[in-house]
Amino acid sequence: MNGAGDERNSSDRTWPLVLRASIVAGIFTLAVFIGYRLLRNDTLPVFQPAQLDQRLVDPAVLKEQGTHHIHDFDLIDQTGNHLTLDDVRGHIIVADFFFTTCTSICPKMTGQMTRVQRSFKDDERVVLLSHSVTPEMDSVPVLRSYADRFQADPGKWHFLTGDRKQIYDLARRSYFAAVNEGDGGPDDFVHTENFVLVDPLLRIRGFYDGTSTADVDRLIDDISRLERESNGNAP
């Protein structure tokens, strides 16, 4: 009987030790995680034209003084409303370039952009701009139908049409999303998988392959990092 009692007493003493060890291990793991987050440089780079593949950069842009910012624009979205730079100033922007009749990369890109919208659906700071590179075909009704297919929130995700040259200039000289070849004329064409991340100060902070789930995962994480930075919480 004494042997059984000693065994029970030993077991009773062991469980608190195991519990305390588990708590200590949990606290240590949490401390390591917090330390990593504090020590990690959470600030995304600010991309300047001179840092990029020079095939993407108009030589005239290299002559700009100071920090590169997205240029002004005036386009029309799928609701028929005008959208200008002032409407998105102060927001985090994800931009891409597509066309509704594309059957190769564009559906993949738009599907991935749907993931971005879903990740920040209640966050008014994040806006998505999808520019049509065939604006002469992608009218407001066409864009509205396309946006509806992907359940785009018109208050967050703007599918844009308008002046062709203006859109091509934005792709090449603002976002550096496509190779700098062509003049935006009838025979010119932009076809790029790039998503471009822009901060509230209209500076470029990242480039991503919009057909890649892994790269869009990185974009979603970078948007959150940019929000912390914009809130003044970046280390």
C-alpha atoms as a PDB file:
ATOM      1  CA  MET A   1       0.000   0.000   0.000  1.00  0.00           C
ATOM      2  CA  ASN A   2       2.820   2.397   0.894  1.00  0.00           C
ATOM      3  CA  GLY A   3       4.436   1.739  -2.494  1.00  0.00           C
ATOM      4  CA  ALA A   4       1.251   2.706  -4.314  1.00  0.00           C
ATOM      5  CA  GLY A   5       0.889   5.814  -2.185  1.00  0.00           C
ATOM      6  CA  ASP A   6       4.488   6.871  -2.815  1.00  0.00           C
ATOM      7  CA  GLU A   7       3.971   6.404  -6.554  1.00  0.00           C
ATOM      8  CA  ARG A   8       0.789   8.518  -6.431  1.00  0.00           C
ATOM      9  CA  ASN A   9       2.534  11.252  -4.425  1.00  0.00           C
ATOM     10  CA  SER A  10       5.443  11.272  -6.886  1.00  0.00           C
ATOM     11  CA  SER A  11       2.994  11.633  -9.780  1.00  0.00           C
ATOM     12  CA  ASP A  12       1.221  14.471  -7.985  1.00  0.00           C
ATOM     13  CA  ARG A  13       4.526  16.282  -7.581  1.00  0.00           C
ATOM     14  CA  THR A  14       5.552  15.714 -11.221  1.00  0.00           C
ATOM     15  CA  TRP A  15       2.497  17.315 -12.855  1.00  0.00           C
ATOM     16  CA  PRO A  16       3.089  20.818 -11.400  1.00  0.00           C
ATOM     17  CA  LEU A  17       6.698  20.595 -12.562  1.00  0.00           C
ATOM     18  CA  VAL A  18       5.588  19.684 -16.092  1.00  0.00           C
ATOM     19  CA  LEU A  19       3.032  22.496 -16.069  1.00  0.00           C
ATOM     20  CA  ARG A  20       5.608  25.037 -14.888  1.00  0.00           C
ATOM     21  CA  ALA A  21       8.091  23.850 -17.505  1.00  0.00           C
ATOM     22  CA  SER A  22       5.448  24.208 -20.234  1.00  0.00           C
ATOM     23  CA  ILE A  23       4.598  27.734 -19.101  1.00  0.00           C
ATOM     24  CA  VAL A  24       8.274  28.733 -19.033  1.00  0.00           C
ATOM     25  CA  ALA A  25       8.799  27.256 -22.510  1.00  0.00           C
ATOM     26  CA  GLY A  26       5.753  29.138 -23.807  1.00  0.00           C
ATOM     27  CA  ILE A  27       6.963  32.430 -22.336  1.00  0.00           C
ATOM     28  CA  PHE A  28      10.417  31.873 -23.827  1.00  0.00           C
ATOM     29  CA  THR A  29       8.953  31.161 -27.281  1.00  0.00           C
ATOM     30  CA  LEU A  30       6.792  34.285 -27.084  1.00  0.00           C
ATOM     31  CA  ALA A  31       9.775  36.384 -25.988  1.00  0.00           C
ATOM     32  CA  VAL A  32      11.869  35.106 -28.898  1.00  0.00           C
ATOM     33  CA  PHE A  33       9.057  35.909 -31.349  1.00  0.00           C
ATOM     34  CA  ILE A  34       8.568  39.424 -29.968  1.00  0.00           C
ATOM     35  CA  GLY A  35      12.314  40.018 -29.999  1.00  0.00           C
ATOM     36  CA  TYR A  36      12.537  38.921 -33.624  1.00  0.00           C
ATOM     37  CA  ARG A  37       9.732  41.288 -34.624  1.00  0.00           C
ATOM     38  CA  LEU A  38      11.354  44.182 -32.770  1.00  0.00           C
ATOM     39  CA  LEU A  39      14.803  43.556 -34.202  1.00  0.00           C
ATOM     40  CA  ARG A  40      13.652  42.909 -37.767  1.00  0.00           C
ATOM     41  CA  ASN A  41      13.788  45.920 -40.039  1.00  0.00           C
ATOM     42  CA  ASP A  42      10.115  46.178 -40.926  1.00  0.00           C
ATOM     43  CA  THR A  43      10.530  49.120 -43.308  1.00  0.00           C
ATOM     44  CA  LEU A  44      10.046  48.371 -46.987  1.00  0.00           C
ATOM     45  CA  PRO A  45      12.443  49.955 -49.502  1.00  0.00           C
ATOM     46  CA  VAL A  46      11.462  53.046 -51.485  1.00  0.00           C
ATOM     47  CA  PHE A  47      12.197  52.289 -55.137  1.00  0.00           C
ATOM     48  CA  GLN A  48      13.838  54.941 -57.277  1.00  0.00           C
ATOM     49  CA  PRO A  49      14.159  54.769 -61.094  1.00  0.00           C
ATOM     50  CA  ALA A  50      17.938  54.384 -60.956  1.00  0.00           C
ATOM     51  CA  GLN A  51      17.567  51.207 -58.858  1.00  0.00           C
ATOM     52  CA  LEU A  52      15.372  49.412 -61.386  1.00  0.00           C
ATOM     53  CA  ASP A  53      16.044  47.368 -64.508  1.00  0.00           C
ATOM     54  CA  GLN A  54      16.815  50.174 -66.935  1.00  0.00           C
ATOM     55  CA  ARG A  55      14.691  48.534 -69.632  1.00  0.00           C
ATOM     56  CA  LEU A  56      11.730  49.648 -67.517  1.00  0.00           C
ATOM     57  CA  VAL A  57      12.787  53.269 -67.155  1.00  0.00           C
ATOM     58  CA  ASP A  58      12.308  56.144 -69.591  1.00  0.00           C
ATOM     59  CA  PRO A  59      15.619  58.084 -69.695  1.00  0.00           C
ATOM     60  CA  ALA A  60      13.647  61.286 -69.124  1.00  0.00           C
ATOM     61  CA  VAL A  61      12.414  59.906 -65.791  1.00  0.00           C
ATOM     62  CA  LEU A  62      16.002  59.436 -64.635  1.00  0.00           C
ATOM     63  CA  LYS A  63      16.405  63.204 -64.825  1.00  0.00           C
ATOM     64  CA  GLU A  64      13.674  63.784 -62.245  1.00  0.00           C
ATOM     65  CA  GLN A  65      14.898  65.463 -59.090  1.00  0.00           C
ATOM     66  CA  GLY A  66      14.098  63.978 -55.694  1.00  0.00           C
ATOM     67  CA  THR A  67      11.926  60.990 -54.858  1.00  0.00           C
ATOM     68  CA  HIS A  68       9.841  59.402 -57.606  1.00  0.00           C
ATOM     69  CA  HIS A  69       6.070  59.622 -57.114  1.00  0.00           C
ATOM     70  CA  ILE A  70       3.137  58.296 -59.113  1.00  0.00           C
ATOM     71  CA  HIS A  71       2.048  60.903 -61.656  1.00  0.00           C
ATOM     72  CA  ASP A  72      -1.353  62.551 -61.797  1.00  0.00           C
ATOM     73  CA  PHE A  73      -4.143  60.858 -63.761  1.00  0.00           C
ATOM     74  CA  ASP A  74      -7.825  61.196 -64.575  1.00  0.00           C
ATOM     75  CA  LEU A  75      -9.531  57.926 -65.524  1.00  0.00           C
ATOM     76  CA  ILE A  76     -13.012  56.383 -65.310  1.00  0.00           C
ATOM     77  CA  ASP A  77     -13.884  53.316 -63.247  1.00  0.00           C
ATOM     78  CA  GLN A  78     -16.478  50.565 -63.661  1.00  0.00           C
ATOM     79  CA  THR A  79     -19.160  52.711 -61.997  1.00  0.00           C
ATOM     80  CA  GLY A  80     -18.706  55.511 -64.550  1.00  0.00           C
ATOM     81  CA  ASN A  81     -17.092  57.831 -62.003  1.00  0.00           C
ATOM     82  CA  HIS A  82     -13.863  59.722 -62.589  1.00  0.00           C
ATOM     83  CA  LEU A  83     -10.923  58.696 -60.433  1.00  0.00           C
ATOM     84  CA  THR A  84      -7.909  60.975 -60.024  1.00  0.00           C
ATOM     85  CA  LEU A  85      -4.674  60.883 -58.103  1.00  0.00           C
ATOM     86  CA  ASP A  86      -6.205  63.059 -55.385  1.00  0.00           C
ATOM     87  CA  ASP A  87      -8.851  60.377 -54.769  1.00  0.00           C
ATOM     88  CA  VAL A  88      -6.221  57.796 -53.807  1.00  0.00           C
ATOM     89  CA  ARG A  89      -3.623  60.062 -52.232  1.00  0.00           C
ATOM     90  CA  GLY A  90      -3.067  59.005 -48.633  1.00  0.00           C
ATOM     91  CA  HIS A  91      -4.035  55.382 -49.366  1.00  0.00           C
ATOM     92  CA  ILE A  92      -1.983  52.247 -49.872  1.00  0.00           C
ATOM     93  CA  ILE A  93      -2.340  51.359 -53.565  1.00  0.00           C
ATOM     94  CA  VAL A  94      -1.902  48.079 -55.408  1.00  0.00           C
ATOM     95  CA  ALA A  95      -1.848  48.661 -59.178  1.00  0.00           C
ATOM     96  CA  ASP A  96      -1.866  46.340 -62.158  1.00  0.00           C
ATOM     97  CA  PHE A  97      -2.521  46.422 -65.919  1.00  0.00           C
ATOM     98  CA  PHE A  98      -4.830  43.995 -67.718  1.00  0.00           C
ATOM     99  CA  PHE A  99      -7.501  43.664 -70.414  1.00  0.00           C
ATOM    100  CA  THR A 100     -10.840  41.906 -70.188  1.00  0.00           C
ATOM    101  CA  THR A 101     -10.430  39.679 -73.265  1.00  0.00           C
ATOM    102  CA  CYS A 102      -7.065  38.332 -72.099  1.00  0.00           C
ATOM    103  CA  THR A 103      -7.170  34.563 -71.580  1.00  0.00           C
ATOM    104  CA  SER A 104      -3.589  33.997 -70.419  1.00  0.00           C
ATOM    105  CA  ILE A 105      -2.176  35.862 -67.418  1.00  0.00           C
ATOM    106  CA  CYS A 106      -4.980  38.362 -66.737  1.00  0.00           C
ATOM    107  CA  PRO A 107      -7.545  35.959 -65.221  1.00  0.00           C
ATOM    108  CA  LYS A 108      -4.825  34.622 -62.918  1.00  0.00           C
ATOM    109  CA  MET A 109      -3.843  38.155 -61.925  1.00  0.00           C
ATOM    110  CA  THR A 110      -7.426  39.202 -61.280  1.00  0.00           C
ATOM    111  CA  GLY A 111      -7.975  36.058 -59.229  1.00  0.00           C
ATOM    112  CA  GLN A 112      -4.930  36.901 -57.131  1.00  0.00           C
ATOM    113  CA  MET A 113      -6.102  40.502 -56.746  1.00  0.00           C
ATOM    114  CA  THR A 114      -9.349  39.052 -55.380  1.00  0.00           C
ATOM    115  CA  ARG A 115      -7.256  37.530 -52.592  1.00  0.00           C
ATOM    116  CA  VAL A 116      -5.773  40.938 -51.821  1.00  0.00           C
ATOM    117  CA  GLN A 117      -9.254  42.472 -51.703  1.00  0.00           C
ATOM    118  CA  ARG A 118     -10.454  39.718 -49.373  1.00  0.00           C
ATOM    119  CA  SER A 119      -7.478  40.203 -47.048  1.00  0.00           C
ATOM    120  CA  PHE A 120      -8.227  43.922 -46.639  1.00  0.00           C
ATOM    121  CA  LYS A 121     -11.970  44.017 -47.312  1.00  0.00           C
ATOM    122  CA  ASP A 122     -12.754  46.147 -44.242  1.00  0.00           C
ATOM    123  CA  ASP A 123      -9.636  48.306 -44.474  1.00  0.00           C
ATOM    124  CA  GLU A 124     -10.413  51.630 -46.141  1.00  0.00           C
ATOM    125  CA  ARG A 125      -6.722  52.503 -46.329  1.00  0.00           C
ATOM    126  CA  VAL A 126      -6.094  49.941 -49.093  1.00  0.00           C
ATOM    127  CA  VAL A 127      -7.287  50.555 -52.675  1.00  0.00           C
ATOM    128  CA  LEU A 128      -6.754  48.450 -55.791  1.00  0.00           C
ATOM    129  CA  LEU A 129      -6.346  49.953 -59.271  1.00  0.00           C
ATOM    130  CA  SER A 130      -6.638  47.693 -62.323  1.00  0.00           C
ATOM    131  CA  HIS A 131      -5.906  49.649 -65.517  1.00  0.00           C
ATOM    132  CA  SER A 132      -7.215  48.389 -68.856  1.00  0.00           C
ATOM    133  CA  VAL A 133      -4.560  48.411 -71.588  1.00  0.00           C
ATOM    134  CA  THR A 134      -7.302  48.143 -74.235  1.00  0.00           C
ATOM    135  CA  PRO A 135      -9.491  51.050 -73.100  1.00  0.00           C
ATOM    136  CA  GLU A 136     -11.031  51.409 -76.553  1.00  0.00           C
ATOM    137  CA  MET A 137     -12.645  47.982 -76.015  1.00  0.00           C
ATOM    138  CA  ASP A 138     -13.021  47.977 -72.240  1.00  0.00           C
ATOM    139  CA  SER A 139     -15.865  50.441 -71.805  1.00  0.00           C
ATOM    140  CA  VAL A 140     -17.567  51.151 -68.483  1.00  0.00           C
ATOM    141  CA  PRO A 141     -20.251  48.449 -69.013  1.00  0.00           C
ATOM    142  CA  VAL A 142     -17.594  45.913 -70.036  1.00  0.00           C
ATOM    143  CA  LEU A 143     -15.508  46.724 -66.970  1.00  0.00           C
ATOM    144  CA  ARG A 144     -18.571  46.565 -64.716  1.00  0.00           C
ATOM    145  CA  SER A 145     -19.415  43.090 -65.999  1.00  0.00           C
ATOM    146  CA  TYR A 146     -15.813  41.952 -65.580  1.00  0.00           C
ATOM    147  CA  ALA A 147     -15.615  43.402 -62.061  1.00  0.00           C
ATOM    148  CA  ASP A 148     -18.844  41.644 -61.107  1.00  0.00           C
ATOM    149  CA  ARG A 149     -17.390  38.313 -62.240  1.00  0.00           C
ATOM    150  CA  PHE A 150     -14.687  38.704 -59.613  1.00  0.00           C
ATOM    151  CA  GLN A 151     -16.982  40.202 -56.954  1.00  0.00           C
ATOM    152  CA  ALA A 152     -15.002  43.433 -56.889  1.00  0.00           C
ATOM    153  CA  ASP A 153     -16.044  45.998 -54.283  1.00  0.00           C
ATOM    154  CA  PRO A 154     -16.393  49.221 -56.338  1.00  0.00           C
ATOM    155  CA  GLY A 155     -15.443  51.299 -53.315  1.00  0.00           C
ATOM    156  CA  LYS A 156     -12.106  49.514 -52.986  1.00  0.00           C
ATOM    157  CA  TRP A 157     -11.232  47.965 -56.332  1.00  0.00           C
ATOM    158  CA  HIS A 158     -11.369  50.266 -59.353  1.00  0.00           C
ATOM    159  CA  PHE A 159     -11.209  48.879 -62.899  1.00  0.00           C
ATOM    160  CA  LEU A 160     -10.052  51.841 -64.965  1.00  0.00           C
ATOM    161  CA  THR A 161     -10.501  52.938 -68.555  1.00  0.00           C
ATOM    162  CA  GLY A 162      -9.824  56.214 -70.335  1.00  0.00           C
ATOM    163  CA  ASP A 163      -7.158  57.750 -72.526  1.00  0.00           C
ATOM    164  CA  ARG A 164      -4.871  55.030 -73.885  1.00  0.00           C
ATOM    165  CA  LYS A 165      -1.707  57.136 -73.907  1.00  0.00           C
ATOM    166  CA  GLN A 166      -2.299  58.237 -70.328  1.00  0.00           C
ATOM    167  CA  ILE A 167      -2.673  54.625 -69.179  1.00  0.00           C
ATOM    168  CA  TYR A 168       0.473  53.528 -71.034  1.00  0.00           C
ATOM    169  CA  ASP A 169       2.415  56.454 -69.591  1.00  0.00           C
ATOM    170  CA  LEU A 170       1.284  55.403 -66.120  1.00  0.00           C
ATOM    171  CA  ALA A 171       2.422  51.822 -66.753  1.00  0.00           C
ATOM    172  CA  ARG A 172       5.854  52.848 -68.020  1.00  0.00           C
ATOM    173  CA  ARG A 173       6.706  56.164 -66.375  1.00  0.00           C
ATOM    174  CA  SER A 174       4.851  56.048 -63.064  1.00  0.00           C
ATOM    175  CA  TYR A 175       4.647  52.399 -61.998  1.00  0.00           C
ATOM    176  CA  PHE A 176       7.520  50.987 -64.119  1.00  0.00           C
ATOM    177  CA  ALA A 177       5.316  47.940 -64.646  1.00  0.00           C
ATOM    178  CA  ALA A 178       6.296  47.315 -68.276  1.00  0.00           C
ATOM    179  CA  VAL A 179       9.308  47.610 -70.567  1.00  0.00           C
ATOM    180  CA  ASN A 180       9.811  51.175 -71.811  1.00  0.00           C
ATOM    181  CA  GLU A 181       9.114  50.533 -75.496  1.00  0.00           C
ATOM    182  CA  GLY A 182       6.312  52.215 -77.408  1.00  0.00           C
ATOM    183  CA  ASP A 183       4.416  55.462 -77.346  1.00  0.00           C
ATOM    184  CA  GLY A 184       0.925  54.396 -76.304  1.00  0.00           C
ATOM    185  CA  GLY A 185      -0.284  54.603 -79.903  1.00  0.00           C
ATOM    186  CA  PRO A 186      -2.615  52.194 -81.733  1.00  0.00           C
ATOM    187  CA  ASP A 187       0.176  49.708 -82.465  1.00  0.00           C
ATOM    188  CA  ASP A 188       1.613  49.787 -78.945  1.00  0.00           C
ATOM    189  CA  PHE A 189       0.744  47.141 -76.362  1.00  0.00           C
ATOM    190  CA  VAL A 190       1.479  46.558 -72.679  1.00  0.00           C
ATOM    191  CA  HIS A 191       1.168  43.050 -71.261  1.00  0.00           C
ATOM    192  CA  THR A 192       2.658  42.572 -67.804  1.00  0.00           C
ATOM    193  CA  GLU A 193       2.081  40.366 -64.777  1.00  0.00           C
ATOM    194  CA  ASN A 194       3.439  42.952 -62.333  1.00  0.00           C
ATOM    195  CA  PHE A 195       1.563  44.144 -59.269  1.00  0.00           C
ATOM    196  CA  VAL A 196       2.998  47.390 -57.886  1.00  0.00           C
ATOM    197  CA  LEU A 197       2.691  48.484 -54.248  1.00  0.00           C
ATOM    198  CA  VAL A 198       2.510  52.241 -53.589  1.00  0.00           C
ATOM    199  CA  ASP A 199       2.502  53.942 -50.197  1.00  0.00           C
ATOM    200  CA  PRO A 200       0.271  56.833 -49.004  1.00  0.00           C
ATOM    201  CA  LEU A 201       2.966  59.291 -50.136  1.00  0.00           C
ATOM    202  CA  LEU A 202       2.683  57.861 -53.676  1.00  0.00           C
ATOM    203  CA  ARG A 203       6.119  56.207 -53.602  1.00  0.00           C
ATOM    204  CA  ILE A 204       6.743  52.728 -55.036  1.00  0.00           C
ATOM    205  CA  ARG A 205       7.488  50.188 -52.300  1.00  0.00           C
ATOM    206  CA  GLY A 206       7.346  46.812 -54.035  1.00  0.00           C
ATOM    207  CA  PHE A 207       6.943  44.754 -57.215  1.00  0.00           C
ATOM    208  CA  TYR A 208       5.250  41.335 -57.320  1.00  0.00           C
ATOM    209  CA  ASP A 209       4.357  38.636 -59.835  1.00  0.00           C
ATOM    210  CA  GLY A 210       0.569  38.816 -59.938  1.00  0.00           C
ATOM    211  CA  THR A 211       0.287  35.257 -61.266  1.00  0.00           C
ATOM    212  CA  SER A 212       2.191  33.767 -58.320  1.00  0.00           C
ATOM    213  CA  THR A 213       0.366  32.789 -55.132  1.00  0.00           C
ATOM    214  CA  ALA A 214       3.624  32.913 -53.173  1.00  0.00           C
ATOM    215  CA  ASP A 215       4.463  36.391 -54.447  1.00  0.00           C
ATOM    216  CA  VAL A 216       0.965  37.675 -53.688  1.00  0.00           C
ATOM    217  CA  ASP A 217       1.295  36.194 -50.189  1.00  0.00           C
ATOM    218  CA  ARG A 218       4.403  38.360 -49.877  1.00  0.00           C
ATOM    219  CA  LEU A 219       2.442  41.366 -51.158  1.00  0.00           C
ATOM    220  CA  ILE A 220      -0.288  40.835 -48.563  1.00  0.00           C
ATOM    221  CA  ASP A 221       2.347  40.665 -45.829  1.00  0.00           C
ATOM    222  CA  ASP A 222       4.071  43.782 -47.193  1.00  0.00           C
ATOM    223  CA  ILE A 223       0.798  45.731 -47.171  1.00  0.00           C
ATOM    224  CA  SER A 224       0.479  44.959 -43.463  1.00  0.00           C
ATOM    225  CA  ARG A 225       4.090  46.015 -42.921  1.00  0.00           C
ATOM    226  CA  LEU A 226       3.413  49.237 -44.805  1.00  0.00           C
ATOM    227  CA  GLU A 227       0.383  49.899 -42.624  1.00  0.00           C
ATOM    228  CA  ARG A 228       2.496  49.528 -39.494  1.00  0.00           C
ATOM    229  CA  GLU A 229       5.060  51.879 -40.990  1.00  0.00           C
ATOM    230  CA  SER A 230       2.372  54.396 -41.964  1.00  0.00           C
ATOM    231  CA  ASN A 231       1.024  54.243 -38.413  1.00  0.00           C
ATOM    232  CA  GLY A 232       4.468  55.050 -37.077  1.00  0.00           C
ATOM    233  CA  ASN A 233       4.848  51.600 -35.533  1.00  0.00           C
ATOM    234  CA  ALA A 234       7.726  50.353 -37.642  1.00  0.00           C
ATOM    235  CA  PRO A 235      10.930  49.785 -35.654  1.00  0.00           C
END
